[in-house]
Amino acid sequence: IVQMPPGIPVATVGINAAQNAAILAIQMLAKTDNSL
């Protein structure tokens, strides 16, 4: 997952780190959602 070619990035969290993936997604959404 982490070794993607240039131009095709995948933000990668740790092994089995689904909770961190959700937090990262929330952080992305919170950029345009003040209540979030």
PDB file of all heavy atoms in Angstrom:
ATOM      1  N   ILE A   1       0.822  -1.212   0.000  1.00  0.00           N
ATOM      2  CA  ILE A   1       0.000   0.000   0.000  1.00  0.00           C
ATOM      3  C   ILE A   1       0.855   1.260   0.000  1.00  0.00           C
ATOM      4  O   ILE A   1       0.561   2.224  -0.702  1.00  0.00           O
ATOM      5  CB  ILE A   1      -0.972  -0.008   1.206  1.00  0.00           C
ATOM      6  CG1 ILE A   1      -1.980  -1.158   1.071  1.00  0.00           C
ATOM      7  CG2 ILE A   1      -1.714   1.326   1.311  1.00  0.00           C
ATOM      8  CD1 ILE A   1      -2.845  -1.377   2.292  1.00  0.00           C
ATOM      9  N   VAL A   2       1.919   1.261   0.756  1.00  0.00           N
ATOM     10  CA  VAL A   2       2.708   2.481   0.917  1.00  0.00           C
ATOM     11  C   VAL A   2       3.621   2.750  -0.291  1.00  0.00           C
ATOM     12  O   VAL A   2       3.938   3.905  -0.574  1.00  0.00           O
ATOM     13  CB  VAL A   2       3.505   2.439   2.247  1.00  0.00           C
ATOM     14  CG1 VAL A   2       4.761   1.615   2.138  1.00  0.00           C
ATOM     15  CG2 VAL A   2       3.814   3.825   2.736  1.00  0.00           C
ATOM     16  N   GLN A   3       3.998   1.738  -1.034  1.00  0.00           N
ATOM     17  CA  GLN A   3       4.934   1.908  -2.155  1.00  0.00           C
ATOM     18  C   GLN A   3       4.189   2.146  -3.469  1.00  0.00           C
ATOM     19  O   GLN A   3       4.238   1.340  -4.378  1.00  0.00           O
ATOM     20  CB  GLN A   3       5.839   0.669  -2.282  1.00  0.00           C
ATOM     21  CG  GLN A   3       6.778   0.478  -1.132  1.00  0.00           C
ATOM     22  CD  GLN A   3       7.832   1.579  -1.054  1.00  0.00           C
ATOM     23  OE1 GLN A   3       8.073   2.319  -1.993  1.00  0.00           O
ATOM     24  NE2 GLN A   3       8.473   1.683   0.094  1.00  0.00           N
ATOM     25  N   MET A   4       3.522   3.281  -3.562  1.00  0.00           N
ATOM     26  CA  MET A   4       2.775   3.613  -4.770  1.00  0.00           C
ATOM     27  C   MET A   4       3.658   4.421  -5.724  1.00  0.00           C
ATOM     28  O   MET A   4       4.556   5.136  -5.285  1.00  0.00           O
ATOM     29  CB  MET A   4       1.528   4.419  -4.405  1.00  0.00           C
ATOM     30  CG  MET A   4       0.503   3.606  -3.621  1.00  0.00           C
ATOM     31  SD  MET A   4      -0.079   2.152  -4.502  1.00  0.00           S
ATOM     32  CE  MET A   4      -0.799   2.901  -5.944  1.00  0.00           C
ATOM     33  N   PRO A   5       3.384   4.303  -7.023  1.00  0.00           N
ATOM     34  CA  PRO A   5       4.180   5.070  -7.989  1.00  0.00           C
ATOM     35  C   PRO A   5       3.854   6.562  -7.909  1.00  0.00           C
ATOM     36  O   PRO A   5       2.791   6.940  -7.419  1.00  0.00           O
ATOM     37  CB  PRO A   5       3.756   4.480  -9.336  1.00  0.00           C
ATOM     38  CG  PRO A   5       2.412   3.909  -9.102  1.00  0.00           C
ATOM     39  CD  PRO A   5       2.382   3.459  -7.672  1.00  0.00           C
ATOM     40  N   PRO A   6       4.752   7.407  -8.392  1.00  0.00           N
ATOM     41  CA  PRO A   6       4.499   8.846  -8.382  1.00  0.00           C
ATOM     42  C   PRO A   6       3.171   9.186  -9.059  1.00  0.00           C
ATOM     43  O   PRO A   6       2.826   8.617 -10.098  1.00  0.00           O
ATOM     44  CB  PRO A   6       5.673   9.423  -9.187  1.00  0.00           C
ATOM     45  CG  PRO A   6       6.754   8.397  -9.059  1.00  0.00           C
ATOM     46  CD  PRO A   6       6.047   7.076  -8.993  1.00  0.00           C
ATOM     47  N   GLY A   7       2.417  10.068  -8.421  1.00  0.00           N
ATOM     48  CA  GLY A   7       1.143  10.506  -8.981  1.00  0.00           C
ATOM     49  C   GLY A   7      -0.059   9.734  -8.478  1.00  0.00           C
ATOM     50  O   GLY A   7      -1.194  10.141  -8.732  1.00  0.00           O
ATOM     51  N   ILE A   8       0.160   8.624  -7.792  1.00  0.00           N
ATOM     52  CA  ILE A   8      -0.951   7.806  -7.279  1.00  0.00           C
ATOM     53  C   ILE A   8      -0.740   7.599  -5.771  1.00  0.00           C
ATOM     54  O   ILE A   8      -0.424   6.503  -5.317  1.00  0.00           O
ATOM     55  CB  ILE A   8      -1.041   6.434  -7.990  1.00  0.00           C
ATOM     56  CG1 ILE A   8      -0.953   6.562  -9.501  1.00  0.00           C
ATOM     57  CG2 ILE A   8      -2.327   5.704  -7.582  1.00  0.00           C
ATOM     58  CD1 ILE A   8      -2.114   7.301 -10.145  1.00  0.00           C
ATOM     59  N   PRO A   9      -0.892   8.670  -4.972  1.00  0.00           N
ATOM     60  CA  PRO A   9      -0.645   8.508  -3.542  1.00  0.00           C
ATOM     61  C   PRO A   9      -1.783   7.794  -2.826  1.00  0.00           C
ATOM     62  O   PRO A   9      -2.950   7.913  -3.207  1.00  0.00           O
ATOM     63  CB  PRO A   9      -0.543   9.950  -3.048  1.00  0.00           C
ATOM     64  CG  PRO A   9      -1.430  10.710  -3.970  1.00  0.00           C
ATOM     65  CD  PRO A   9      -1.263  10.040  -5.317  1.00  0.00           C
ATOM     66  N   VAL A  10      -1.421   7.033  -1.811  1.00  0.00           N
ATOM     67  CA  VAL A  10      -2.376   6.452  -0.873  1.00  0.00           C
ATOM     68  C   VAL A  10      -1.852   6.786   0.522  1.00  0.00           C
ATOM     69  O   VAL A  10      -0.753   6.373   0.886  1.00  0.00           O
ATOM     70  CB  VAL A  10      -2.506   4.919  -1.040  1.00  0.00           C
ATOM     71  CG1 VAL A  10      -3.403   4.331   0.048  1.00  0.00           C
ATOM     72  CG2 VAL A  10      -3.049   4.566  -2.419  1.00  0.00           C
ATOM     73  N   ALA A  11      -2.615   7.579   1.269  1.00  0.00           N
ATOM     74  CA  ALA A  11      -2.237   7.836   2.655  1.00  0.00           C
ATOM     75  C   ALA A  11      -2.346   6.500   3.377  1.00  0.00           C
ATOM     76  O   ALA A  11      -3.363   5.814   3.256  1.00  0.00           O
ATOM     77  CB  ALA A  11      -3.172   8.863   3.275  1.00  0.00           C
ATOM     78  N   THR A  12      -1.315   6.106   4.084  1.00  0.00           N
ATOM     79  CA  THR A  12      -1.294   4.768   4.667  1.00  0.00           C
ATOM     80  C   THR A  12      -1.101   4.854   6.167  1.00  0.00           C
ATOM     81  O   THR A  12      -0.216   5.556   6.644  1.00  0.00           O
ATOM     82  CB  THR A  12      -0.168   3.925   4.044  1.00  0.00           C
ATOM     83  OG1 THR A  12      -0.284   4.005   2.612  1.00  0.00           O
ATOM     84  CG2 THR A  12      -0.248   2.485   4.475  1.00  0.00           C
ATOM     85  N   VAL A  13      -1.963   4.143   6.897  1.00  0.00           N
ATOM     86  CA  VAL A  13      -1.838   4.065   8.350  1.00  0.00           C
ATOM     87  C   VAL A  13      -1.167   2.744   8.707  1.00  0.00           C
ATOM     88  O   VAL A  13      -0.850   1.944   7.828  1.00  0.00           O
ATOM     89  CB  VAL A  13      -3.215   4.211   9.036  1.00  0.00           C
ATOM     90  CG1 VAL A  13      -3.802   5.601   8.765  1.00  0.00           C
ATOM     91  CG2 VAL A  13      -4.181   3.127   8.593  1.00  0.00           C
ATOM     92  N   GLY A  14      -0.963   2.514   9.980  1.00  0.00           N
ATOM     93  CA  GLY A  14      -0.298   1.301  10.424  1.00  0.00           C
ATOM     94  C   GLY A  14      -1.130   0.055  10.175  1.00  0.00           C
ATOM     95  O   GLY A  14      -2.320   0.111   9.853  1.00  0.00           O
ATOM     96  N   ILE A  15      -0.502  -1.072  10.352  1.00  0.00           N
ATOM     97  CA  ILE A  15      -1.152  -2.371  10.162  1.00  0.00           C
ATOM     98  C   ILE A  15      -2.319  -2.497  11.136  1.00  0.00           C
ATOM     99  O   ILE A  15      -2.162  -2.281  12.340  1.00  0.00           O
ATOM    100  CB  ILE A  15      -0.134  -3.511  10.363  1.00  0.00           C
ATOM    101  CG1 ILE A  15       0.971  -3.411   9.309  1.00  0.00           C
ATOM    102  CG2 ILE A  15      -0.819  -4.888  10.319  1.00  0.00           C
ATOM    103  CD1 ILE A  15       2.203  -4.235   9.602  1.00  0.00           C
ATOM    104  N   ASN A  16      -3.492  -2.798  10.597  1.00  0.00           N
ATOM    105  CA  ASN A  16      -4.747  -2.947  11.347  1.00  0.00           C
ATOM    106  C   ASN A  16      -5.190  -1.655  12.036  1.00  0.00           C
ATOM    107  O   ASN A  16      -6.012  -1.687  12.941  1.00  0.00           O
ATOM    108  CB  ASN A  16      -4.657  -4.071  12.377  1.00  0.00           C
ATOM    109  CG  ASN A  16      -4.677  -5.449  11.755  1.00  0.00           C
ATOM    110  OD1 ASN A  16      -4.818  -5.599  10.543  1.00  0.00           O
ATOM    111  ND2 ASN A  16      -4.527  -6.469  12.566  1.00  0.00           N
ATOM    112  N   ALA A  17      -4.681  -0.514  11.623  1.00  0.00           N
ATOM    113  CA  ALA A  17      -4.962   0.763  12.291  1.00  0.00           C
ATOM    114  C   ALA A  17      -6.184   1.463  11.701  1.00  0.00           C
ATOM    115  O   ALA A  17      -6.131   2.624  11.296  1.00  0.00           O
ATOM    116  CB  ALA A  17      -3.737   1.660  12.250  1.00  0.00           C
ATOM    117  N   ALA A  18      -7.310   0.768  11.687  1.00  0.00           N
ATOM    118  CA  ALA A  18      -8.543   1.321  11.129  1.00  0.00           C
ATOM    119  C   ALA A  18      -9.001   2.561  11.880  1.00  0.00           C
ATOM    120  O   ALA A  18      -9.547   3.491  11.282  1.00  0.00           O
ATOM    121  CB  ALA A  18      -9.642   0.257  11.136  1.00  0.00           C
ATOM    122  N   GLN A  19      -8.788   2.600  13.189  1.00  0.00           N
ATOM    123  CA  GLN A  19      -9.198   3.764  13.971  1.00  0.00           C
ATOM    124  C   GLN A  19      -8.427   5.001  13.506  1.00  0.00           C
ATOM    125  O   GLN A  19      -9.010   6.071  13.336  1.00  0.00           O
ATOM    126  CB  GLN A  19      -8.968   3.517  15.456  1.00  0.00           C
ATOM    127  CG  GLN A  19      -9.465   4.641  16.328  1.00  0.00           C
ATOM    128  CD  GLN A  19      -9.375   4.320  17.801  1.00  0.00           C
ATOM    129  OE1 GLN A  19      -9.053   3.214  18.202  1.00  0.00           O
ATOM    130  NE2 GLN A  19      -9.660   5.312  18.624  1.00  0.00           N
ATOM    131  N   ASN A  20      -7.130   4.866  13.269  1.00  0.00           N
ATOM    132  CA  ASN A  20      -6.362   6.001  12.762  1.00  0.00           C
ATOM    133  C   ASN A  20      -6.814   6.417  11.366  1.00  0.00           C
ATOM    134  O   ASN A  20      -6.788   7.603  11.025  1.00  0.00           O
ATOM    135  CB  ASN A  20      -4.863   5.695  12.767  1.00  0.00           C
ATOM    136  CG  ASN A  20      -4.225   5.991  14.105  1.00  0.00           C
ATOM    137  OD1 ASN A  20      -4.847   6.575  14.986  1.00  0.00           O
ATOM    138  ND2 ASN A  20      -2.990   5.588  14.267  1.00  0.00           N
ATOM    139  N   ALA A  21      -7.227   5.460  10.557  1.00  0.00           N
ATOM    140  CA  ALA A  21      -7.750   5.799   9.226  1.00  0.00           C
ATOM    141  C   ALA A  21      -9.008   6.652   9.366  1.00  0.00           C
ATOM    142  O   ALA A  21      -9.182   7.642   8.644  1.00  0.00           O
ATOM    143  CB  ALA A  21      -8.031   4.528   8.426  1.00  0.00           C
ATOM    144  N   ALA A  22      -9.872   6.285  10.304  1.00  0.00           N
ATOM    145  CA  ALA A  22     -11.088   7.070  10.529  1.00  0.00           C
ATOM    146  C   ALA A  22     -10.748   8.468  11.036  1.00  0.00           C
ATOM    147  O   ALA A  22     -11.333   9.455  10.583  1.00  0.00           O
ATOM    148  CB  ALA A  22     -12.008   6.354  11.515  1.00  0.00           C
ATOM    149  N   ILE A  23      -9.786   8.561  11.949  1.00  0.00           N
ATOM    150  CA  ILE A  23      -9.386   9.872  12.463  1.00  0.00           C
ATOM    151  C   ILE A  23      -8.822  10.731  11.331  1.00  0.00           C
ATOM    152  O   ILE A  23      -9.147  11.922  11.218  1.00  0.00           O
ATOM    153  CB  ILE A  23      -8.379   9.743  13.622  1.00  0.00           C
ATOM    154  CG1 ILE A  23      -9.083   9.130  14.838  1.00  0.00           C
ATOM    155  CG2 ILE A  23      -7.774  11.095  13.985  1.00  0.00           C
ATOM    156  CD1 ILE A  23      -8.144   8.677  15.936  1.00  0.00           C
ATOM    157  N   LEU A  24      -8.005  10.154  10.472  1.00  0.00           N
ATOM    158  CA  LEU A  24      -7.460  10.895   9.337  1.00  0.00           C
ATOM    159  C   LEU A  24      -8.589  11.362   8.414  1.00  0.00           C
ATOM    160  O   LEU A  24      -8.587  12.517   7.950  1.00  0.00           O
ATOM    161  CB  LEU A  24      -6.441  10.045   8.587  1.00  0.00           C
ATOM    162  CG  LEU A  24      -5.703  10.701   7.435  1.00  0.00           C
ATOM    163  CD1 LEU A  24      -5.006  11.987   7.865  1.00  0.00           C
ATOM    164  CD2 LEU A  24      -4.694   9.716   6.842  1.00  0.00           C
ATOM    165  N   ALA A  25      -9.563  10.510   8.157  1.00  0.00           N
ATOM    166  CA  ALA A  25     -10.705  10.906   7.324  1.00  0.00           C
ATOM    167  C   ALA A  25     -11.480  12.040   7.996  1.00  0.00           C
ATOM    168  O   ALA A  25     -11.878  13.009   7.326  1.00  0.00           O
ATOM    169  CB  ALA A  25     -11.625   9.702   7.088  1.00  0.00           C
ATOM    170  N   ILE A  26     -11.669  11.953   9.297  1.00  0.00           N
ATOM    171  CA  ILE A  26     -12.373  13.009  10.036  1.00  0.00           C
ATOM    172  C   ILE A  26     -11.599  14.318   9.952  1.00  0.00           C
ATOM    173  O   ILE A  26     -12.179  15.389   9.753  1.00  0.00           O
ATOM    174  CB  ILE A  26     -12.610  12.575  11.498  1.00  0.00           C
ATOM    175  CG1 ILE A  26     -13.603  11.403  11.550  1.00  0.00           C
ATOM    176  CG2 ILE A  26     -13.105  13.742  12.350  1.00  0.00           C
ATOM    177  CD1 ILE A  26     -13.638  10.666  12.885  1.00  0.00           C
ATOM    178  N   GLN A  27     -10.282  14.253  10.083  1.00  0.00           N
ATOM    179  CA  GLN A  27      -9.464  15.460   9.967  1.00  0.00           C
ATOM    180  C   GLN A  27      -9.615  16.091   8.590  1.00  0.00           C
ATOM    181  O   GLN A  27      -9.678  17.327   8.458  1.00  0.00           O
ATOM    182  CB  GLN A  27      -7.991  15.142  10.251  1.00  0.00           C
ATOM    183  CG  GLN A  27      -7.726  14.833  11.700  1.00  0.00           C
ATOM    184  CD  GLN A  27      -6.288  14.420  12.003  1.00  0.00           C
ATOM    185  OE1 GLN A  27      -5.946  14.328  13.154  1.00  0.00           O
ATOM    186  NE2 GLN A  27      -5.463  14.161  11.019  1.00  0.00           N
ATOM    187  N   MET A  28      -9.680  15.268   7.558  1.00  0.00           N
ATOM    188  CA  MET A  28      -9.862  15.791   6.195  1.00  0.00           C
ATOM    189  C   MET A  28     -11.219  16.481   6.063  1.00  0.00           C
ATOM    190  O   MET A  28     -11.319  17.581   5.511  1.00  0.00           O
ATOM    191  CB  MET A  28      -9.741  14.662   5.172  1.00  0.00           C
ATOM    192  CG  MET A  28      -8.354  14.118   5.025  1.00  0.00           C
ATOM    193  SD  MET A  28      -8.365  12.652   3.944  1.00  0.00           S
ATOM    194  CE  MET A  28      -6.622  12.269   3.890  1.00  0.00           C
ATOM    195  N   LEU A  29     -12.256  15.839   6.581  1.00  0.00           N
ATOM    196  CA  LEU A  29     -13.603  16.408   6.496  1.00  0.00           C
ATOM    197  C   LEU A  29     -13.734  17.665   7.348  1.00  0.00           C
ATOM    198  O   LEU A  29     -14.466  18.594   6.999  1.00  0.00           O
ATOM    199  CB  LEU A  29     -14.644  15.377   6.930  1.00  0.00           C
ATOM    200  CG  LEU A  29     -14.780  14.138   6.052  1.00  0.00           C
ATOM    201  CD1 LEU A  29     -15.673  13.104   6.723  1.00  0.00           C
ATOM    202  CD2 LEU A  29     -15.302  14.499   4.671  1.00  0.00           C
ATOM    203  N   ALA A  30     -13.015  17.713   8.471  1.00  0.00           N
ATOM    204  CA  ALA A  30     -13.105  18.848   9.394  1.00  0.00           C
ATOM    205  C   ALA A  30     -12.509  20.124   8.809  1.00  0.00           C
ATOM    206  O   ALA A  30     -12.786  21.217   9.308  1.00  0.00           O
ATOM    207  CB  ALA A  30     -12.426  18.501  10.720  1.00  0.00           C
ATOM    208  N   LYS A  31     -11.723  20.015   7.749  1.00  0.00           N
ATOM    209  CA  LYS A  31     -11.159  21.206   7.109  1.00  0.00           C
ATOM    210  C   LYS A  31     -12.256  22.144   6.618  1.00  0.00           C
ATOM    211  O   LYS A  31     -12.052  23.353   6.548  1.00  0.00           O
ATOM    212  CB  LYS A  31     -10.249  20.814   5.939  1.00  0.00           C
ATOM    213  CG  LYS A  31      -8.972  20.096   6.331  1.00  0.00           C
ATOM    214  CD  LYS A  31      -8.017  20.972   7.094  1.00  0.00           C
ATOM    215  CE  LYS A  31      -7.487  22.068   6.221  1.00  0.00           C
ATOM    216  NZ  LYS A  31      -6.702  23.076   6.947  1.00  0.00           N
ATOM    217  N   THR A  32     -13.424  21.594   6.267  1.00  0.00           N
ATOM    218  CA  THR A  32     -14.518  22.423   5.753  1.00  0.00           C
ATOM    219  C   THR A  32     -15.784  22.322   6.598  1.00  0.00           C
ATOM    220  O   THR A  32     -16.840  22.790   6.172  1.00  0.00           O
ATOM    221  CB  THR A  32     -14.848  22.021   4.298  1.00  0.00           C
ATOM    222  OG1 THR A  32     -15.192  20.628   4.273  1.00  0.00           O
ATOM    223  CG2 THR A  32     -13.667  22.290   3.376  1.00  0.00           C
ATOM    224  N   ASP A  33     -15.681  21.717   7.775  1.00  0.00           N
ATOM    225  CA  ASP A  33     -16.851  21.528   8.641  1.00  0.00           C
ATOM    226  C   ASP A  33     -16.460  21.908  10.065  1.00  0.00           C
ATOM    227  O   ASP A  33     -15.849  21.123  10.783  1.00  0.00           O
ATOM    228  CB  ASP A  33     -17.309  20.072   8.566  1.00  0.00           C
ATOM    229  CG  ASP A  33     -18.562  19.787   9.360  1.00  0.00           C
ATOM    230  OD1 ASP A  33     -18.829  20.486  10.356  1.00  0.00           O
ATOM    231  OD2 ASP A  33     -19.272  18.829   8.999  1.00  0.00           O
ATOM    232  N   ASN A  34     -16.834  23.129  10.468  1.00  0.00           N
ATOM    233  CA  ASN A  34     -16.418  23.651  11.765  1.00  0.00           C
ATOM    234  C   ASN A  34     -16.973  22.839  12.939  1.00  0.00           C
ATOM    235  O   ASN A  34     -16.281  22.635  13.932  1.00  0.00           O
ATOM    236  CB  ASN A  34     -16.796  25.128  11.905  1.00  0.00           C
ATOM    237  CG  ASN A  34     -15.959  25.807  12.953  1.00  0.00           C
ATOM    238  OD1 ASN A  34     -14.740  25.650  12.970  1.00  0.00           O
ATOM    239  ND2 ASN A  34     -16.599  26.543  13.833  1.00  0.00           N
ATOM    240  N   SER A  35     -18.208  22.361  12.851  1.00  0.00           N
ATOM    241  CA  SER A  35     -18.764  21.577  13.956  1.00  0.00           C
ATOM    242  C   SER A  35     -18.005  20.260  14.108  1.00  0.00           C
ATOM    243  O   SER A  35     -17.777  19.786  15.227  1.00  0.00           O
ATOM    244  CB  SER A  35     -20.263  21.324  13.765  1.00  0.00           C
ATOM    245  OG  SER A  35     -20.503  20.510  12.639  1.00  0.00           O
ATOM    246  N   LEU A  36     -17.586  19.698  13.019  1.00  0.00           N
ATOM    247  CA  LEU A  36     -16.783  18.476  13.064  1.00  0.00           C
ATOM    248  C   LEU A  36     -15.402  18.770  13.652  1.00  0.00           C
ATOM    249  O   LEU A  36     -14.865  17.978  14.431  1.00  0.00           O
ATOM    250  CB  LEU A  36     -16.665  17.879  11.661  1.00  0.00           C
ATOM    251  CG  LEU A  36     -16.105  16.478  11.543  1.00  0.00           C
ATOM    252  CD1 LEU A  36     -16.877  15.486  12.409  1.00  0.00           C
ATOM    253  CD2 LEU A  36     -16.140  16.031  10.085  1.00  0.00           C
TER     254      LEU A  36
END
